[in-house]
Amino acid sequence: RKEKKRKYDSDYLQLGFHFTGDESE
């Protein structure tokens, strides 16, 4: 098992969320 890093999706902005920090995490 390897720890999985989730990616940001532009559709998340409809839920009121953007992203911050490194794009890899």
mmCIF file of all heavy atoms, coordinates in Angstrom:
data_MODEL
# 
_entry.id   MODEL 
# 
loop_
_atom_site.group_PDB 
_atom_site.id 
_atom_site.type_symbol 
_atom_site.label_atom_id 
_atom_site.label_alt_id 
_atom_site.label_comp_id 
_atom_site.label_asym_id 
_atom_site.label_entity_id 
_atom_site.label_seq_id 
_atom_site.pdbx_PDB_ins_code 
_atom_site.Cartn_x 
_atom_site.Cartn_y 
_atom_site.Cartn_z 
_atom_site.occupancy 
_atom_site.B_iso_or_equiv 
_atom_site.pdbx_formal_charge 
_atom_site.auth_seq_id 
_atom_site.auth_comp_id 
_atom_site.auth_asym_id 
_atom_site.auth_atom_id 
_atom_site.pdbx_PDB_model_num 
ATOM 1   N N   . ARG A 1 1  ? 0.845   -1.194 0.000   1.00 0.00 ? 1  ARG A N   1 
ATOM 2   C CA  . ARG A 1 1  ? 0.000   0.000  0.000   1.00 0.00 ? 1  ARG A CA  1 
ATOM 3   C C   . ARG A 1 1  ? 0.879   1.243  0.000   1.00 0.00 ? 1  ARG A C   1 
ATOM 4   O O   . ARG A 1 1  ? 1.834   1.345  0.773   1.00 0.00 ? 1  ARG A O   1 
ATOM 5   C CB  . ARG A 1 1  ? -0.905  0.006  1.228   1.00 0.00 ? 1  ARG A CB  1 
ATOM 6   C CG  . ARG A 1 1  ? -2.027  -1.020 1.159   1.00 0.00 ? 1  ARG A CG  1 
ATOM 7   C CD  . ARG A 1 1  ? -2.937  -0.891 2.351   1.00 0.00 ? 1  ARG A CD  1 
ATOM 8   N NE  . ARG A 1 1  ? -2.195  -1.070 3.600   1.00 0.00 ? 1  ARG A NE  1 
ATOM 9   C CZ  . ARG A 1 1  ? -2.762  -0.930 4.806   1.00 0.00 ? 1  ARG A CZ  1 
ATOM 10  N NH1 . ARG A 1 1  ? -4.027  -0.604 4.920   1.00 0.00 ? 1  ARG A NH1 1 
ATOM 11  N NH2 . ARG A 1 1  ? -2.031  -1.120 5.886   1.00 0.00 ? 1  ARG A NH2 1 
ATOM 12  N N   . LYS A 1 2  ? 0.545   2.242  -0.817  1.00 0.00 ? 2  LYS A N   1 
ATOM 13  C CA  . LYS A 1 2  ? 1.245   3.518  -0.875  1.00 0.00 ? 2  LYS A CA  1 
ATOM 14  C C   . LYS A 1 2  ? 0.256   4.631  -0.604  1.00 0.00 ? 2  LYS A C   1 
ATOM 15  O O   . LYS A 1 2  ? -0.909  4.552  -1.027  1.00 0.00 ? 2  LYS A O   1 
ATOM 16  C CB  . LYS A 1 2  ? 1.897   3.722  -2.244  1.00 0.00 ? 2  LYS A CB  1 
ATOM 17  C CG  . LYS A 1 2  ? 3.017   2.744  -2.524  1.00 0.00 ? 2  LYS A CG  1 
ATOM 18  C CD  . LYS A 1 2  ? 3.657   3.052  -3.865  1.00 0.00 ? 2  LYS A CD  1 
ATOM 19  C CE  . LYS A 1 2  ? 4.800   2.084  -4.146  1.00 0.00 ? 2  LYS A CE  1 
ATOM 20  N NZ  . LYS A 1 2  ? 5.431   2.352  -5.461  1.00 0.00 ? 2  LYS A NZ  1 
ATOM 21  N N   . GLU A 1 3  ? 0.755   5.628  0.117   1.00 0.00 ? 3  GLU A N   1 
ATOM 22  C CA  . GLU A 1 3  ? -0.129  6.744  0.471   1.00 0.00 ? 3  GLU A CA  1 
ATOM 23  C C   . GLU A 1 3  ? -0.503  7.513  -0.790  1.00 0.00 ? 3  GLU A C   1 
ATOM 24  O O   . GLU A 1 3  ? 0.374   7.929  -1.559  1.00 0.00 ? 3  GLU A O   1 
ATOM 25  C CB  . GLU A 1 3  ? 0.575   7.663  1.469   1.00 0.00 ? 3  GLU A CB  1 
ATOM 26  C CG  . GLU A 1 3  ? -0.339  8.753  2.008   1.00 0.00 ? 3  GLU A CG  1 
ATOM 27  C CD  . GLU A 1 3  ? 0.384   9.613  3.022   1.00 0.00 ? 3  GLU A CD  1 
ATOM 28  O OE1 . GLU A 1 3  ? 1.563   9.316  3.325   1.00 0.00 ? 3  GLU A OE1 1 
ATOM 29  O OE2 . GLU A 1 3  ? -0.221  10.584 3.506   1.00 0.00 ? 3  GLU A OE2 1 
ATOM 30  N N   . LYS A 1 4  ? -1.773  7.721  -0.988  1.00 0.00 ? 4  LYS A N   1 
ATOM 31  C CA  . LYS A 1 4  ? -2.278  8.367  -2.199  1.00 0.00 ? 4  LYS A CA  1 
ATOM 32  C C   . LYS A 1 4  ? -2.547  9.840  -1.947  1.00 0.00 ? 4  LYS A C   1 
ATOM 33  O O   . LYS A 1 4  ? -3.173  10.209 -0.960  1.00 0.00 ? 4  LYS A O   1 
ATOM 34  C CB  . LYS A 1 4  ? -3.567  7.671  -2.646  1.00 0.00 ? 4  LYS A CB  1 
ATOM 35  C CG  . LYS A 1 4  ? -4.133  8.210  -3.949  1.00 0.00 ? 4  LYS A CG  1 
ATOM 36  C CD  . LYS A 1 4  ? -5.373  7.448  -4.339  1.00 0.00 ? 4  LYS A CD  1 
ATOM 37  C CE  . LYS A 1 4  ? -5.952  7.979  -5.646  1.00 0.00 ? 4  LYS A CE  1 
ATOM 38  N NZ  . LYS A 1 4  ? -7.196  7.242  -6.038  1.00 0.00 ? 4  LYS A NZ  1 
ATOM 39  N N   . LYS A 1 5  ? -2.032  10.713 -2.830  1.00 0.00 ? 5  LYS A N   1 
ATOM 40  C CA  . LYS A 1 5  ? -2.252  12.148 -2.742  1.00 0.00 ? 5  LYS A CA  1 
ATOM 41  C C   . LYS A 1 5  ? -3.398  12.521 -3.676  1.00 0.00 ? 5  LYS A C   1 
ATOM 42  O O   . LYS A 1 5  ? -3.394  12.174 -4.857  1.00 0.00 ? 5  LYS A O   1 
ATOM 43  C CB  . LYS A 1 5  ? -0.983  12.917 -3.145  1.00 0.00 ? 5  LYS A CB  1 
ATOM 44  C CG  . LYS A 1 5  ? 0.236   12.592 -2.287  1.00 0.00 ? 5  LYS A CG  1 
ATOM 45  C CD  . LYS A 1 5  ? 0.034   12.954 -0.834  1.00 0.00 ? 5  LYS A CD  1 
ATOM 46  C CE  . LYS A 1 5  ? 1.291   12.644 -0.014  1.00 0.00 ? 5  LYS A CE  1 
ATOM 47  N NZ  . LYS A 1 5  ? 1.100   12.945 1.414   1.00 0.00 ? 5  LYS A NZ  1 
ATOM 48  N N   . ARG A 1 6  ? -4.384  13.213 -3.143  1.00 0.00 ? 6  ARG A N   1 
ATOM 49  C CA  . ARG A 1 6  ? -5.549  13.596 -3.928  1.00 0.00 ? 6  ARG A CA  1 
ATOM 50  C C   . ARG A 1 6  ? -5.246  14.853 -4.730  1.00 0.00 ? 6  ARG A C   1 
ATOM 51  O O   . ARG A 1 6  ? -4.482  15.714 -4.289  1.00 0.00 ? 6  ARG A O   1 
ATOM 52  C CB  . ARG A 1 6  ? -6.755  13.806 -3.025  1.00 0.00 ? 6  ARG A CB  1 
ATOM 53  C CG  . ARG A 1 6  ? -7.169  12.541 -2.283  1.00 0.00 ? 6  ARG A CG  1 
ATOM 54  C CD  . ARG A 1 6  ? -8.446  12.746 -1.496  1.00 0.00 ? 6  ARG A CD  1 
ATOM 55  N NE  . ARG A 1 6  ? -8.853  11.496 -0.857  1.00 0.00 ? 6  ARG A NE  1 
ATOM 56  C CZ  . ARG A 1 6  ? -9.556  10.546 -1.441  1.00 0.00 ? 6  ARG A CZ  1 
ATOM 57  N NH1 . ARG A 1 6  ? -9.955  10.694 -2.701  1.00 0.00 ? 6  ARG A NH1 1 
ATOM 58  N NH2 . ARG A 1 6  ? -9.887  9.437  -0.787  1.00 0.00 ? 6  ARG A NH2 1 
ATOM 59  N N   . LYS A 1 7  ? -5.831  14.962 -5.889  1.00 0.00 ? 7  LYS A N   1 
ATOM 60  C CA  . LYS A 1 7  ? -5.644  16.099 -6.782  1.00 0.00 ? 7  LYS A CA  1 
ATOM 61  C C   . LYS A 1 7  ? -6.875  16.999 -6.743  1.00 0.00 ? 7  LYS A C   1 
ATOM 62  O O   . LYS A 1 7  ? -7.998  16.553 -6.452  1.00 0.00 ? 7  LYS A O   1 
ATOM 63  C CB  . LYS A 1 7  ? -5.397  15.624 -8.216  1.00 0.00 ? 7  LYS A CB  1 
ATOM 64  C CG  . LYS A 1 7  ? -4.190  14.717 -8.364  1.00 0.00 ? 7  LYS A CG  1 
ATOM 65  C CD  . LYS A 1 7  ? -2.907  15.420 -7.980  1.00 0.00 ? 7  LYS A CD  1 
ATOM 66  C CE  . LYS A 1 7  ? -1.702  14.519 -8.172  1.00 0.00 ? 7  LYS A CE  1 
ATOM 67  N NZ  . LYS A 1 7  ? -0.439  15.194 -7.795  1.00 0.00 ? 7  LYS A NZ  1 
ATOM 68  N N   . TYR A 1 8  ? -6.618  18.252 -7.063  1.00 0.00 ? 8  TYR A N   1 
ATOM 69  C CA  . TYR A 1 8  ? -7.724  19.221 -7.065  1.00 0.00 ? 8  TYR A CA  1 
ATOM 70  C C   . TYR A 1 8  ? -8.424  19.206 -8.428  1.00 0.00 ? 8  TYR A C   1 
ATOM 71  O O   . TYR A 1 8  ? -7.774  19.108 -9.473  1.00 0.00 ? 8  TYR A O   1 
ATOM 72  C CB  . TYR A 1 8  ? -7.184  20.621 -6.774  1.00 0.00 ? 8  TYR A CB  1 
ATOM 73  C CG  . TYR A 1 8  ? -8.236  21.715 -6.862  1.00 0.00 ? 8  TYR A CG  1 
ATOM 74  C CD1 . TYR A 1 8  ? -9.123  21.921 -5.826  1.00 0.00 ? 8  TYR A CD1 1 
ATOM 75  C CD2 . TYR A 1 8  ? -8.332  22.512 -8.004  1.00 0.00 ? 8  TYR A CD2 1 
ATOM 76  C CE1 . TYR A 1 8  ? -10.095 22.916 -5.895  1.00 0.00 ? 8  TYR A CE1 1 
ATOM 77  C CE2 . TYR A 1 8  ? -9.290  23.499 -8.090  1.00 0.00 ? 8  TYR A CE2 1 
ATOM 78  C CZ  . TYR A 1 8  ? -10.166 23.701 -7.035  1.00 0.00 ? 8  TYR A CZ  1 
ATOM 79  O OH  . TYR A 1 8  ? -11.127 24.671 -7.128  1.00 0.00 ? 8  TYR A OH  1 
ATOM 80  N N   . ASP A 1 9  ? -9.728  19.320 -8.372  1.00 0.00 ? 9  ASP A N   1 
ATOM 81  C CA  . ASP A 1 9  ? -10.553 19.376 -9.578  1.00 0.00 ? 9  ASP A CA  1 
ATOM 82  C C   . ASP A 1 9  ? -11.239 20.736 -9.627  1.00 0.00 ? 9  ASP A C   1 
ATOM 83  O O   . ASP A 1 9  ? -11.727 21.229 -8.607  1.00 0.00 ? 9  ASP A O   1 
ATOM 84  C CB  . ASP A 1 9  ? -11.593 18.252 -9.564  1.00 0.00 ? 9  ASP A CB  1 
ATOM 85  C CG  . ASP A 1 9  ? -12.249 18.076 -10.937 1.00 0.00 ? 9  ASP A CG  1 
ATOM 86  O OD1 . ASP A 1 9  ? -12.292 19.063 -11.698 1.00 0.00 ? 9  ASP A OD1 1 
ATOM 87  O OD2 . ASP A 1 9  ? -12.706 16.963 -11.245 1.00 0.00 ? 9  ASP A OD2 1 
ATOM 88  N N   . SER A 1 10 ? -11.268 21.305 -10.818 1.00 0.00 ? 10 SER A N   1 
ATOM 89  C CA  . SER A 1 10 ? -11.879 22.632 -10.957 1.00 0.00 ? 10 SER A CA  1 
ATOM 90  C C   . SER A 1 10 ? -13.370 22.636 -10.612 1.00 0.00 ? 10 SER A C   1 
ATOM 91  O O   . SER A 1 10 ? -13.934 23.696 -10.285 1.00 0.00 ? 10 SER A O   1 
ATOM 92  C CB  . SER A 1 10 ? -11.671 23.159 -12.380 1.00 0.00 ? 10 SER A CB  1 
ATOM 93  O OG  . SER A 1 10 ? -12.250 22.269 -13.327 1.00 0.00 ? 10 SER A OG  1 
ATOM 94  N N   . ASP A 1 11 ? -14.000 21.465 -10.660 1.00 0.00 ? 11 ASP A N   1 
ATOM 95  C CA  . ASP A 1 11 ? -15.424 21.403 -10.297 1.00 0.00 ? 11 ASP A CA  1 
ATOM 96  C C   . ASP A 1 11 ? -15.648 21.634 -8.808  1.00 0.00 ? 11 ASP A C   1 
ATOM 97  O O   . ASP A 1 11 ? -16.780 21.910 -8.379  1.00 0.00 ? 11 ASP A O   1 
ATOM 98  C CB  . ASP A 1 11 ? -16.006 20.034 -10.701 1.00 0.00 ? 11 ASP A CB  1 
ATOM 99  C CG  . ASP A 1 11 ? -16.038 19.849 -12.213 1.00 0.00 ? 11 ASP A CG  1 
ATOM 100 O OD1 . ASP A 1 11 ? -16.040 20.881 -12.923 1.00 0.00 ? 11 ASP A OD1 1 
ATOM 101 O OD2 . ASP A 1 11 ? -16.057 18.690 -12.680 1.00 0.00 ? 11 ASP A OD2 1 
ATOM 102 N N   . TYR A 1 12 ? -14.557 21.528 -8.007  1.00 0.00 ? 12 TYR A N   1 
ATOM 103 C CA  . TYR A 1 12 ? -14.701 21.733 -6.563  1.00 0.00 ? 12 TYR A CA  1 
ATOM 104 C C   . TYR A 1 12 ? -15.044 23.179 -6.222  1.00 0.00 ? 12 TYR A C   1 
ATOM 105 O O   . TYR A 1 12 ? -15.488 23.457 -5.104  1.00 0.00 ? 12 TYR A O   1 
ATOM 106 C CB  . TYR A 1 12 ? -13.424 21.315 -5.833  1.00 0.00 ? 12 TYR A CB  1 
ATOM 107 C CG  . TYR A 1 12 ? -13.142 19.830 -5.870  1.00 0.00 ? 12 TYR A CG  1 
ATOM 108 C CD1 . TYR A 1 12 ? -11.880 19.332 -5.605  1.00 0.00 ? 12 TYR A CD1 1 
ATOM 109 C CD2 . TYR A 1 12 ? -14.149 18.928 -6.173  1.00 0.00 ? 12 TYR A CD2 1 
ATOM 110 C CE1 . TYR A 1 12 ? -11.619 17.970 -5.624  1.00 0.00 ? 12 TYR A CE1 1 
ATOM 111 C CE2 . TYR A 1 12 ? -13.902 17.561 -6.217  1.00 0.00 ? 12 TYR A CE2 1 
ATOM 112 C CZ  . TYR A 1 12 ? -12.631 17.096 -5.936  1.00 0.00 ? 12 TYR A CZ  1 
ATOM 113 O OH  . TYR A 1 12 ? -12.395 15.743 -5.969  1.00 0.00 ? 12 TYR A OH  1 
ATOM 114 N N   . LEU A 1 13 ? -14.818 24.088 -7.172  1.00 0.00 ? 13 LEU A N   1 
ATOM 115 C CA  . LEU A 1 13 ? -15.148 25.484 -6.910  1.00 0.00 ? 13 LEU A CA  1 
ATOM 116 C C   . LEU A 1 13 ? -16.663 25.667 -6.755  1.00 0.00 ? 13 LEU A C   1 
ATOM 117 O O   . LEU A 1 13 ? -17.116 26.590 -6.084  1.00 0.00 ? 13 LEU A O   1 
ATOM 118 C CB  . LEU A 1 13 ? -14.618 26.376 -8.042  1.00 0.00 ? 13 LEU A CB  1 
ATOM 119 C CG  . LEU A 1 13 ? -14.739 27.886 -7.838  1.00 0.00 ? 13 LEU A CG  1 
ATOM 120 C CD1 . LEU A 1 13 ? -13.988 28.317 -6.573  1.00 0.00 ? 13 LEU A CD1 1 
ATOM 121 C CD2 . LEU A 1 13 ? -14.187 28.642 -9.042  1.00 0.00 ? 13 LEU A CD2 1 
ATOM 122 N N   . GLN A 1 14 ? -17.468 24.777 -7.368  1.00 0.00 ? 14 GLN A N   1 
ATOM 123 C CA  . GLN A 1 14 ? -18.923 24.847 -7.192  1.00 0.00 ? 14 GLN A CA  1 
ATOM 124 C C   . GLN A 1 14 ? -19.325 24.565 -5.747  1.00 0.00 ? 14 GLN A C   1 
ATOM 125 O O   . GLN A 1 14 ? -20.405 24.971 -5.306  1.00 0.00 ? 14 GLN A O   1 
ATOM 126 C CB  . GLN A 1 14 ? -19.605 23.846 -8.129  1.00 0.00 ? 14 GLN A CB  1 
ATOM 127 C CG  . GLN A 1 14 ? -19.434 24.161 -9.608  1.00 0.00 ? 14 GLN A CG  1 
ATOM 128 C CD  . GLN A 1 14 ? -20.106 23.144 -10.501 1.00 0.00 ? 14 GLN A CD  1 
ATOM 129 O OE1 . GLN A 1 14 ? -20.619 22.126 -10.022 1.00 0.00 ? 14 GLN A OE1 1 
ATOM 130 N NE2 . GLN A 1 14 ? -20.103 23.416 -11.798 1.00 0.00 ? 14 GLN A NE2 1 
ATOM 131 N N   . LEU A 1 15 ? -18.429 23.863 -5.033  1.00 0.00 ? 15 LEU A N   1 
ATOM 132 C CA  . LEU A 1 15 ? -18.675 23.580 -3.615  1.00 0.00 ? 15 LEU A CA  1 
ATOM 133 C C   . LEU A 1 15 ? -18.040 24.626 -2.709  1.00 0.00 ? 15 LEU A C   1 
ATOM 134 O O   . LEU A 1 15 ? -18.066 24.473 -1.489  1.00 0.00 ? 15 LEU A O   1 
ATOM 135 C CB  . LEU A 1 15 ? -18.125 22.194 -3.267  1.00 0.00 ? 15 LEU A CB  1 
ATOM 136 C CG  . LEU A 1 15 ? -18.711 21.031 -4.073  1.00 0.00 ? 15 LEU A CG  1 
ATOM 137 C CD1 . LEU A 1 15 ? -18.012 19.729 -3.732  1.00 0.00 ? 15 LEU A CD1 1 
ATOM 138 C CD2 . LEU A 1 15 ? -20.217 20.911 -3.837  1.00 0.00 ? 15 LEU A CD2 1 
ATOM 139 N N   . GLY A 1 16 ? -17.427 25.682 -3.329  1.00 0.00 ? 16 GLY A N   1 
ATOM 140 C CA  . GLY A 1 16 ? -16.833 26.761 -2.547  1.00 0.00 ? 16 GLY A CA  1 
ATOM 141 C C   . GLY A 1 16 ? -15.400 26.536 -2.140  1.00 0.00 ? 16 GLY A C   1 
ATOM 142 O O   . GLY A 1 16 ? -14.935 27.143 -1.173  1.00 0.00 ? 16 GLY A O   1 
ATOM 143 N N   . PHE A 1 17 ? -14.657 25.691 -2.884  1.00 0.00 ? 17 PHE A N   1 
ATOM 144 C CA  . PHE A 1 17 ? -13.283 25.381 -2.489  1.00 0.00 ? 17 PHE A CA  1 
ATOM 145 C C   . PHE A 1 17 ? -12.326 25.593 -3.653  1.00 0.00 ? 17 PHE A C   1 
ATOM 146 O O   . PHE A 1 17 ? -12.609 25.184 -4.784  1.00 0.00 ? 17 PHE A O   1 
ATOM 147 C CB  . PHE A 1 17 ? -13.172 23.933 -1.995  1.00 0.00 ? 17 PHE A CB  1 
ATOM 148 C CG  . PHE A 1 17 ? -13.539 23.769 -0.556  1.00 0.00 ? 17 PHE A CG  1 
ATOM 149 C CD1 . PHE A 1 17 ? -14.863 23.524 -0.199  1.00 0.00 ? 17 PHE A CD1 1 
ATOM 150 C CD2 . PHE A 1 17 ? -12.593 23.881 0.442   1.00 0.00 ? 17 PHE A CD2 1 
ATOM 151 C CE1 . PHE A 1 17 ? -15.225 23.377 1.120   1.00 0.00 ? 17 PHE A CE1 1 
ATOM 152 C CE2 . PHE A 1 17 ? -12.937 23.729 1.762   1.00 0.00 ? 17 PHE A CE2 1 
ATOM 153 C CZ  . PHE A 1 17 ? -14.257 23.486 2.116   1.00 0.00 ? 17 PHE A CZ  1 
ATOM 154 N N   . HIS A 1 18 ? -11.222 26.252 -3.345  1.00 0.00 ? 18 HIS A N   1 
ATOM 155 C CA  . HIS A 1 18 ? -10.068 26.357 -4.232  1.00 0.00 ? 18 HIS A CA  1 
ATOM 156 C C   . HIS A 1 18 ? -8.932  25.594 -3.570  1.00 0.00 ? 18 HIS A C   1 
ATOM 157 O O   . HIS A 1 18 ? -9.144  24.923 -2.555  1.00 0.00 ? 18 HIS A O   1 
ATOM 158 C CB  . HIS A 1 18 ? -9.715  27.822 -4.463  1.00 0.00 ? 18 HIS A CB  1 
ATOM 159 C CG  . HIS A 1 18 ? -8.710  28.059 -5.552  1.00 0.00 ? 18 HIS A CG  1 
ATOM 160 N ND1 . HIS A 1 18 ? -8.882  27.623 -6.835  1.00 0.00 ? 18 HIS A ND1 1 
ATOM 161 C CD2 . HIS A 1 18 ? -7.497  28.678 -5.524  1.00 0.00 ? 18 HIS A CD2 1 
ATOM 162 C CE1 . HIS A 1 18 ? -7.849  27.964 -7.573  1.00 0.00 ? 18 HIS A CE1 1 
ATOM 163 N NE2 . HIS A 1 18 ? -6.985  28.605 -6.798  1.00 0.00 ? 18 HIS A NE2 1 
ATOM 164 N N   . PHE A 1 19 ? -7.731  25.646 -4.115  1.00 0.00 ? 19 PHE A N   1 
ATOM 165 C CA  . PHE A 1 19 ? -6.618  24.924 -3.508  1.00 0.00 ? 19 PHE A CA  1 
ATOM 166 C C   . PHE A 1 19 ? -5.476  25.887 -3.189  1.00 0.00 ? 19 PHE A C   1 
ATOM 167 O O   . PHE A 1 19 ? -5.348  26.969 -3.768  1.00 0.00 ? 19 PHE A O   1 
ATOM 168 C CB  . PHE A 1 19 ? -6.118  23.798 -4.425  1.00 0.00 ? 19 PHE A CB  1 
ATOM 169 C CG  . PHE A 1 19 ? -5.304  24.285 -5.594  1.00 0.00 ? 19 PHE A CG  1 
ATOM 170 C CD1 . PHE A 1 19 ? -3.924  24.347 -5.522  1.00 0.00 ? 19 PHE A CD1 1 
ATOM 171 C CD2 . PHE A 1 19 ? -5.928  24.689 -6.766  1.00 0.00 ? 19 PHE A CD2 1 
ATOM 172 C CE1 . PHE A 1 19 ? -3.173  24.800 -6.593  1.00 0.00 ? 19 PHE A CE1 1 
ATOM 173 C CE2 . PHE A 1 19 ? -5.202  25.140 -7.844  1.00 0.00 ? 19 PHE A CE2 1 
ATOM 174 C CZ  . PHE A 1 19 ? -3.816  25.197 -7.758  1.00 0.00 ? 19 PHE A CZ  1 
ATOM 175 N N   . THR A 1 20 ? -4.634  25.480 -2.278  1.00 0.00 ? 20 THR A N   1 
ATOM 176 C CA  . THR A 1 20 ? -3.443  26.235 -1.911  1.00 0.00 ? 20 THR A CA  1 
ATOM 177 C C   . THR A 1 20 ? -2.300  25.256 -1.679  1.00 0.00 ? 20 THR A C   1 
ATOM 178 O O   . THR A 1 20 ? -2.524  24.058 -1.484  1.00 0.00 ? 20 THR A O   1 
ATOM 179 C CB  . THR A 1 20 ? -3.677  27.063 -0.635  1.00 0.00 ? 20 THR A CB  1 
ATOM 180 O OG1 . THR A 1 20 ? -2.519  27.840 -0.355  1.00 0.00 ? 20 THR A OG1 1 
ATOM 181 C CG2 . THR A 1 20 ? -3.960  26.167 0.563   1.00 0.00 ? 20 THR A CG2 1 
ATOM 182 N N   . GLY A 1 21 ? -1.079  25.771 -1.697  1.00 0.00 ? 21 GLY A N   1 
ATOM 183 C CA  . GLY A 1 21 ? 0.083   24.917 -1.496  1.00 0.00 ? 21 GLY A CA  1 
ATOM 184 C C   . GLY A 1 21 ? 0.610   24.356 -2.792  1.00 0.00 ? 21 GLY A C   1 
ATOM 185 O O   . GLY A 1 21 ? 0.294   24.825 -3.898  1.00 0.00 ? 21 GLY A O   1 
ATOM 186 N N   . ASP A 1 22 ? 1.430   23.305 -2.676  1.00 0.00 ? 22 ASP A N   1 
ATOM 187 C CA  . ASP A 1 22 ? 2.061   22.669 -3.832  1.00 0.00 ? 22 ASP A CA  1 
ATOM 188 C C   . ASP A 1 22 ? 1.020   21.900 -4.644  1.00 0.00 ? 22 ASP A C   1 
ATOM 189 O O   . ASP A 1 22 ? 0.125   21.255 -4.101  1.00 0.00 ? 22 ASP A O   1 
ATOM 190 C CB  . ASP A 1 22 ? 3.160   21.723 -3.356  1.00 0.00 ? 22 ASP A CB  1 
ATOM 191 C CG  . ASP A 1 22 ? 4.030   21.243 -4.503  1.00 0.00 ? 22 ASP A CG  1 
ATOM 192 O OD1 . ASP A 1 22 ? 3.778   21.675 -5.643  1.00 0.00 ? 22 ASP A OD1 1 
ATOM 193 O OD2 . ASP A 1 22 ? 4.946   20.435 -4.259  1.00 0.00 ? 22 ASP A OD2 1 
ATOM 194 N N   . GLU A 1 23 ? 1.158   21.972 -5.970  1.00 0.00 ? 23 GLU A N   1 
ATOM 195 C CA  . GLU A 1 23 ? 0.205   21.265 -6.837  1.00 0.00 ? 23 GLU A CA  1 
ATOM 196 C C   . GLU A 1 23 ? 0.313   19.751 -6.691  1.00 0.00 ? 23 GLU A C   1 
ATOM 197 O O   . GLU A 1 23 ? -0.654  19.035 -6.949  1.00 0.00 ? 23 GLU A O   1 
ATOM 198 C CB  . GLU A 1 23 ? 0.426   21.668 -8.299  1.00 0.00 ? 23 GLU A CB  1 
ATOM 199 C CG  . GLU A 1 23 ? 0.070   23.115 -8.595  1.00 0.00 ? 23 GLU A CG  1 
ATOM 200 C CD  . GLU A 1 23 ? 0.206   23.449 -10.059 1.00 0.00 ? 23 GLU A CD  1 
ATOM 201 O OE1 . GLU A 1 23 ? 0.614   22.538 -10.822 1.00 0.00 ? 23 GLU A OE1 1 
ATOM 202 O OE2 . GLU A 1 23 ? -0.086  24.587 -10.448 1.00 0.00 ? 23 GLU A OE2 1 
ATOM 203 N N   . SER A 1 24 ? 1.472   19.255 -6.296  1.00 0.00 ? 24 SER A N   1 
ATOM 204 C CA  . SER A 1 24 ? 1.610   17.808 -6.103  1.00 0.00 ? 24 SER A CA  1 
ATOM 205 C C   . SER A 1 24 ? 0.871   17.337 -4.860  1.00 0.00 ? 24 SER A C   1 
ATOM 206 O O   . SER A 1 24 ? 0.501   16.165 -4.758  1.00 0.00 ? 24 SER A O   1 
ATOM 207 C CB  . SER A 1 24 ? 3.091   17.433 -5.996  1.00 0.00 ? 24 SER A CB  1 
ATOM 208 O OG  . SER A 1 24 ? 3.685   18.090 -4.876  1.00 0.00 ? 24 SER A OG  1 
ATOM 209 N N   . GLU A 1 25 ? 0.669   18.220 -3.909  1.00 0.00 ? 25 GLU A N   1 
ATOM 210 C CA  . GLU A 1 25 ? -0.080  17.886 -2.695  1.00 0.00 ? 25 GLU A CA  1 
ATOM 211 C C   . GLU A 1 25 ? -0.951  19.091 -2.320  1.00 0.00 ? 25 GLU A C   1 
ATOM 212 O O   . GLU A 1 25 ? -0.695  19.783 -1.328  1.00 0.00 ? 25 GLU A O   1 
ATOM 213 C CB  . GLU A 1 25 ? 0.865   17.524 -1.550  1.00 0.00 ? 25 GLU A CB  1 
ATOM 214 C CG  . GLU A 1 25 ? 0.146   16.985 -0.324  1.00 0.00 ? 25 GLU A CG  1 
ATOM 215 C CD  . GLU A 1 25 ? 1.118   16.620 0.781   1.00 0.00 ? 25 GLU A CD  1 
ATOM 216 O OE1 . GLU A 1 25 ? 2.343   16.700 0.549   1.00 0.00 ? 25 GLU A OE1 1 
ATOM 217 O OE2 . GLU A 1 25 ? 0.653   16.252 1.870   1.00 0.00 ? 25 GLU A OE2 1 
# 
